[in-house]
Protein backbone atom coordinates (compact mmCIF):
# COMPACT_ATOMS: atom_id res chain seq x y z
CA MET A 1 188.10 181.18 204.39
CA THR A 2 185.32 183.30 205.98
CA LEU A 3 186.99 183.46 209.39
CA ARG A 4 190.31 184.38 207.78
CA PHE A 5 188.61 187.16 205.81
CA PHE A 6 186.70 188.39 208.86
CA SER A 7 189.89 188.40 210.93
CA ALA A 8 191.74 190.30 208.27
CA ALA A 9 188.96 192.86 207.90
CA LEU A 10 188.84 193.74 211.58
CA PRO A 11 191.75 194.37 213.93
CA TRP A 12 192.14 191.96 216.83
CA GLY A 13 191.16 194.64 219.31
CA TRP A 14 187.80 195.11 217.63
CA LEU A 15 187.25 191.35 217.55
CA CYS A 16 187.84 191.11 221.29
CA LEU A 17 185.41 193.96 221.96
CA LEU A 18 182.77 192.34 219.75
CA PHE A 19 183.17 188.98 221.51
CA ALA A 20 182.90 190.61 224.94
CA ALA A 21 179.71 192.42 223.89
CA ILE A 22 178.11 189.17 222.70
CA VAL A 23 179.01 187.42 225.96
CA ALA A 24 177.66 190.33 228.00
CA LEU A 25 174.37 190.37 226.11
CA SER A 26 173.99 186.61 226.54
CA GLY A 27 174.71 186.93 230.24
CA CYS A 28 172.11 189.66 230.66
CA GLN A 29 169.51 187.57 228.89
CA GLY A 30 170.34 184.59 231.12
CA LEU A 31 170.09 186.71 234.25
CA ARG A 32 166.76 188.15 233.12
CA CYS A 33 165.41 184.64 232.46
CA ARG A 34 166.68 183.44 235.80
CA LYS A 35 165.11 186.46 237.52
CA VAL A 36 161.75 185.83 235.84
CA SER A 37 161.97 182.15 236.76
CA ASP A 38 162.78 182.93 240.40
CA GLU A 39 159.93 185.42 240.56
CA SER A 40 157.51 182.85 239.14
CA ILE A 41 158.60 180.25 241.69
CA ASN A 42 158.27 182.70 244.58
CA GLU A 43 154.84 183.87 243.42
CA ALA A 44 153.67 180.27 243.01
CA ARG A 45 154.86 179.41 246.51
CA GLN A 46 153.09 182.43 248.01
CA LEU A 47 149.90 181.43 246.22
CA SER A 48 150.29 177.86 247.46
CA LEU A 49 150.66 179.10 251.05
CA GLN A 50 147.47 181.13 250.67
CA ALA A 51 145.75 178.08 249.20
CA ARG A 52 146.89 175.88 252.07
CA ASP A 53 145.60 178.41 254.59
CA ALA A 54 142.21 178.54 252.84
CA GLN A 55 142.14 174.74 252.69
CA GLN A 56 142.75 174.42 256.42
CA LYS A 57 139.84 176.80 257.05
CA GLY A 58 137.55 174.72 254.86
CA ARG A 59 137.43 177.28 252.05
CA TRP A 60 138.01 174.78 249.29
CA GLU A 61 136.78 176.93 246.39
CA GLN A 62 139.18 179.69 247.34
CA ALA A 63 141.97 177.15 247.80
CA GLU A 64 141.35 175.76 244.33
CA GLU A 65 141.56 179.25 242.80
CA PHE A 66 144.87 179.96 244.53
CA TYR A 67 146.33 176.61 243.49
CA ALA A 68 145.16 177.09 239.90
CA SER A 69 146.90 180.48 239.79
CA ALA A 70 150.05 178.95 241.28
CA VAL A 71 150.12 176.22 238.64
CA THR A 72 149.61 178.80 235.88
CA ARG A 73 152.41 180.94 237.29
CA CYS A 74 154.84 178.04 237.66
CA PRO A 75 153.72 174.79 235.99
CA THR A 76 156.78 172.94 237.30
CA ASP A 77 156.06 173.64 240.98
CA GLU A 78 155.33 170.21 242.44
CA ARG A 79 153.66 171.50 245.61
CA ALA A 80 151.25 173.71 243.68
CA ARG A 81 150.44 170.87 241.30
CA CYS A 82 149.70 168.37 244.08
CA GLY A 83 147.72 170.91 246.09
CA TYR A 84 145.65 171.68 243.02
CA ALA A 85 145.01 167.96 242.60
CA GLU A 86 143.73 167.73 246.21
CA ALA A 87 141.38 170.68 245.67
CA LEU A 88 140.03 169.22 242.44
CA TRP A 89 139.52 165.87 244.16
CA HIS A 90 137.56 167.54 246.97
CA ARG A 91 135.26 169.15 244.39
CA GLY A 92 134.67 165.78 242.73
CA ALA A 93 136.71 166.47 239.58
CA LYS A 94 138.52 163.19 240.07
CA ILE A 95 139.79 162.62 236.53
CA ASP A 96 141.48 166.03 236.45
CA ALA A 97 142.71 165.52 240.01
CA VAL A 98 144.43 162.25 239.13
CA SER A 99 145.99 163.82 236.05
CA HIS A 100 147.49 166.68 238.07
CA MET A 101 148.64 164.35 240.84
CA GLU A 102 150.38 162.13 238.28
CA GLU A 103 152.18 165.21 236.98
CA GLY A 104 153.01 166.22 240.56
CA VAL A 105 154.56 162.82 241.21
CA ARG A 106 156.64 163.16 238.04
CA LEU A 107 157.81 166.64 239.03
CA SER A 108 158.71 165.38 242.52
CA LEU A 109 160.90 162.67 240.97
CA ASP A 110 158.69 159.98 242.53
CA ASP A 111 158.80 161.32 246.07
CA PRO A 112 157.33 158.41 248.09
CA GLU A 113 154.83 160.59 249.98
CA ARG A 114 153.49 161.96 246.69
CA VAL A 115 153.38 158.44 245.31
CA VAL A 116 151.20 157.40 248.26
CA GLN A 117 148.85 160.34 247.60
CA LEU A 118 148.43 159.17 244.02
CA GLY A 119 147.92 155.59 245.16
CA LYS A 120 145.11 156.65 247.49
CA MET A 121 143.36 158.34 244.59
CA TYR A 122 143.65 155.20 242.50
CA LEU A 123 142.29 153.15 245.41
CA GLU A 124 139.25 155.38 245.89
CA ARG A 125 138.54 155.09 242.18
CA GLY A 126 138.62 151.29 242.49
CA GLU A 127 141.84 150.94 240.49
CA LEU A 128 143.34 148.39 242.86
CA HIS A 129 146.21 147.25 240.65
CA ARG A 130 147.45 150.78 240.03
CA ALA A 131 147.10 151.59 243.73
CA ALA A 132 149.11 148.46 244.62
CA VAL A 133 151.87 149.49 242.20
CA GLN A 134 152.14 152.89 243.92
CA ALA A 135 152.26 151.26 247.36
CA GLU A 136 155.12 148.98 246.34
CA LYS A 137 156.96 151.86 244.66
CA ALA A 138 156.72 153.97 247.83
CA ILE A 139 157.81 151.08 250.06
CA SER A 140 160.81 150.40 247.81
CA ALA A 141 161.82 154.05 248.10
CA ASN A 142 161.28 154.27 251.87
CA ARG A 143 160.56 151.08 253.78
CA GLN A 144 159.88 153.04 256.98
CA LEU A 145 157.12 155.18 255.48
CA ALA A 146 154.03 154.25 257.50
CA SER A 147 151.57 155.67 254.97
CA ALA A 148 152.98 153.40 252.25
CA TRP A 149 152.35 150.29 254.37
CA ALA A 150 148.89 151.65 255.22
CA LEU A 151 148.11 152.03 251.52
CA ARG A 152 149.29 148.49 250.90
CA GLY A 153 147.01 147.26 253.70
CA ASP A 154 144.05 149.20 252.31
CA VAL A 155 144.56 147.64 248.88
CA GLN A 156 144.85 144.15 250.39
CA GLN A 157 141.72 144.75 252.46
CA ALA A 158 139.85 145.87 249.34
CA GLU A 159 141.02 142.70 247.59
CA GLY A 160 139.72 140.57 250.47
CA SER A 161 143.21 139.53 251.60
CA ARG A 162 142.59 140.20 255.30
CA THR A 163 145.55 138.29 256.72
CA GLU A 164 147.95 140.17 254.46
CA ALA A 165 146.18 143.45 255.29
CA LEU A 166 146.68 142.82 259.01
CA ALA A 167 150.41 142.31 258.46
CA SER A 168 150.68 145.54 256.47
CA TYR A 169 148.71 147.53 259.05
CA HIS A 170 150.88 146.20 261.87
CA ARG A 171 153.97 147.19 259.88
CA ALA A 172 152.58 150.71 259.48
CA LEU A 173 152.00 150.92 263.24
CA CYS A 174 155.58 149.83 263.89
CA TYR A 175 156.76 153.02 262.21
CA GLN A 176 153.91 155.26 263.44
CA PRO A 177 152.27 153.86 266.60
CA GLN A 178 149.60 156.59 266.72
CA TYR A 179 147.91 156.28 263.33
CA PRO A 180 144.11 156.55 263.81
CA GLU A 181 143.17 155.63 260.23
CA VAL A 182 145.23 152.45 260.42
CA GLN A 183 144.03 151.55 263.92
CA LEU A 184 140.40 151.88 262.82
CA ALA A 185 141.10 149.84 259.68
CA LEU A 186 142.76 147.20 261.84
CA ALA A 187 139.68 147.06 264.06
CA ASP A 188 137.50 146.64 260.98
CA VAL A 189 139.53 143.63 259.87
CA HIS A 190 139.22 142.04 263.33
CA SER A 191 135.45 142.59 263.21
CA GLN A 192 135.22 141.01 259.77
CA GLN A 193 137.18 138.04 261.06
CA GLY A 194 134.65 137.56 263.86
CA LYS A 195 136.96 138.84 266.60
CA PRO A 196 134.92 141.59 268.30
CA GLN A 197 137.05 141.61 271.45
CA ARG A 198 140.21 142.32 269.44
CA ALA A 199 138.40 144.99 267.49
CA LEU A 200 137.24 146.62 270.72
CA ALA A 201 140.70 146.44 272.30
CA THR A 202 142.22 148.11 269.24
CA ILE A 203 139.71 150.97 269.27
CA GLN A 204 139.92 151.47 273.04
CA ALA A 205 143.71 151.71 272.80
CA LEU A 206 143.20 154.49 270.27
CA ALA A 207 140.50 156.25 272.31
CA ASP A 208 142.68 156.20 275.45
CA HIS A 209 145.14 158.61 273.80
CA TYR A 210 142.55 161.39 273.63
CA PRO A 211 141.58 163.64 276.57
CA ALA A 212 138.18 162.97 278.11
CA GLY A 213 135.43 164.56 276.06
CA GLN A 214 137.70 165.06 273.04
CA ILE A 215 137.46 161.65 271.38
CA PRO A 216 136.87 162.18 267.63
CA TYR A 217 133.51 161.41 266.11
CA ASP A 218 134.60 158.37 264.11
CA VAL A 219 136.49 156.84 267.05
CA SER A 220 133.49 157.15 269.40
CA TYR A 221 131.23 155.77 266.68
CA ARG A 222 133.40 152.71 266.04
CA GLN A 223 133.90 152.16 269.76
CA GLY A 224 130.14 152.17 270.29
CA LEU A 225 129.60 149.61 267.54
CA ALA A 226 132.37 147.39 268.92
CA LEU A 227 130.87 147.54 272.42
CA ARG A 228 127.49 146.51 271.03
CA CYS A 229 129.08 143.52 269.28
CA THR A 230 130.40 142.34 272.65
CA GLY A 231 126.98 142.70 274.31
CA ARG A 232 127.84 145.83 276.31
CA TYR A 233 124.74 147.72 275.20
CA ARG A 234 124.62 150.47 277.82
CA GLU A 235 128.27 151.43 277.24
CA SER A 236 127.63 151.24 273.50
CA ALA A 237 124.77 153.72 273.82
CA GLU A 238 126.95 156.07 275.88
CA CYS A 239 129.73 156.07 273.25
CA LEU A 240 127.30 156.55 270.39
CA ALA A 241 125.54 159.35 272.27
CA ALA A 242 128.91 161.09 272.71
CA ALA A 243 129.48 160.83 268.96
CA ALA A 244 125.96 162.11 268.24
CA ARG A 245 126.59 165.24 270.33
CA GLN A 246 129.31 166.28 267.90
CA PRO A 247 128.47 168.36 264.79
CA GLY A 248 127.40 166.49 261.68
CA ALA A 249 125.86 163.39 263.26
CA SER A 250 124.71 161.15 260.41
CA VAL A 251 121.38 159.40 260.11
CA GLU A 252 123.25 156.09 260.34
CA LEU A 253 124.77 157.10 263.68
CA LEU A 254 121.38 158.10 265.07
CA TYR A 255 119.94 154.78 263.95
CA ASP A 256 122.80 152.87 265.60
CA LEU A 257 122.36 154.88 268.80
CA ALA A 258 118.64 154.10 268.85
CA ARG A 259 119.39 150.42 268.29
CA SER A 260 121.85 150.32 271.21
CA GLN A 261 119.44 152.24 273.44
CA ALA A 262 116.70 149.73 272.64
CA LEU A 263 119.00 146.79 273.40
CA ALA A 264 120.00 148.46 276.68
CA GLY A 265 116.32 148.65 277.66
CA ASP A 266 115.92 152.40 277.13
CA LYS A 267 112.86 152.20 274.86
CA ALA A 268 111.84 155.83 275.42
CA GLY A 269 115.30 157.10 274.52
CA ALA A 270 115.39 154.83 271.49
CA SER A 271 112.03 156.18 270.29
CA GLN A 272 113.21 159.78 270.61
CA THR A 273 116.47 159.04 268.78
CA VAL A 274 114.86 157.14 265.92
CA ALA A 275 112.37 160.00 265.52
CA ALA A 276 115.33 162.40 265.17
CA SER A 277 116.84 160.06 262.61
CA LEU A 278 113.65 160.11 260.54
CA ARG A 279 113.39 163.90 260.76
CA GLN A 280 116.81 164.02 259.17
CA LYS A 281 115.96 161.45 256.51
CA PRO A 282 112.29 160.40 256.39
CA ASP A 283 112.90 157.54 253.93
CA HIS A 284 115.70 155.87 255.93
CA ALA A 285 114.46 152.27 255.85
CA PRO A 286 116.38 150.89 258.89
CA SER A 287 115.03 153.72 261.06
CA GLN A 288 111.50 153.16 259.76
CA ASN A 289 111.75 149.47 260.62
CA LEU A 290 113.12 150.19 264.09
CA GLN A 291 110.38 152.72 264.77
CA GLN A 292 107.75 150.15 263.82
CA GLU A 293 109.47 147.55 265.98
CA LEU A 294 109.53 149.89 268.98
CA ALA A 295 105.90 150.88 268.45
CA GLY A 296 104.94 147.21 268.33
CA GLN A 297 106.76 146.51 271.59
CA GLN A 298 105.11 149.46 273.29
CA GLY A 299 101.72 148.24 272.05
CA GLN A 300 102.38 144.79 273.48
CA MET A 301 103.41 146.25 276.83
CA ALA A 302 100.28 148.40 276.93
CA ALA A 303 98.13 145.35 276.17
CA VAL A 304 99.81 143.37 278.94
CA GLY A 305 99.25 146.27 281.34
CA ARG A 306 95.51 146.20 280.67
CA LEU A 307 95.24 142.52 281.57
């Protein structure tokens, strides 16, 4: 009834013009929305690039600000969301970080690499079951993803399932032969199983791929500990000394270096190193005990010398 009346009231030519105007207006609105959306995405991506650059330079506060702006500009940008989660995690805001990473995984449609990132967060929070679920999900999506097998191995190691962890780590290395985190984890499992020679061989294979003088801190540190476990004290001290020359040497490293120096017969060097350890942390009990032990040995030697 209404349409018939409307059609009768207006000539067909006018109706066609009216319809064309409505379509044109709708199209303009759609184009404007699409333009705004494209601009938001581009701005978010530019902000994410700036954030990534700041992150690589160690400017985490600045990176977090850029990522936060990117997420505000385009809440559906998966890269901005996951980058923001990483920055929050670095600051220690782990609950918020996990929440944003979960949203990032959803936005990525369960991209296996994002799933692994989320699983690592769960693992560090001690949520082993949830971490295991993410590992299996990532493996199901991409069975050749080395990081997914590494995550599975880390979960199994945390659960105390060392044999299963070894199998997962070896699977990860099949797909990515040079994978320092996995190689060090593999060496740890061998050490825990009472196989110091295997642990040492694993770490040395990793160290051999670095140019002389450029072996990373953690690799030199682990190599030094493995050498000490096999009774090669002088070589252990050399590796640990190389690690200690790098920036950020921890009090634990200095203590281990002093211990290896003492076992190698370098009591004077051990005394100097343990003193440096205690300057860094005066209440470090292992260093205090070692210093007392070394002082006692020196006292005994002095007493023998007077006889």
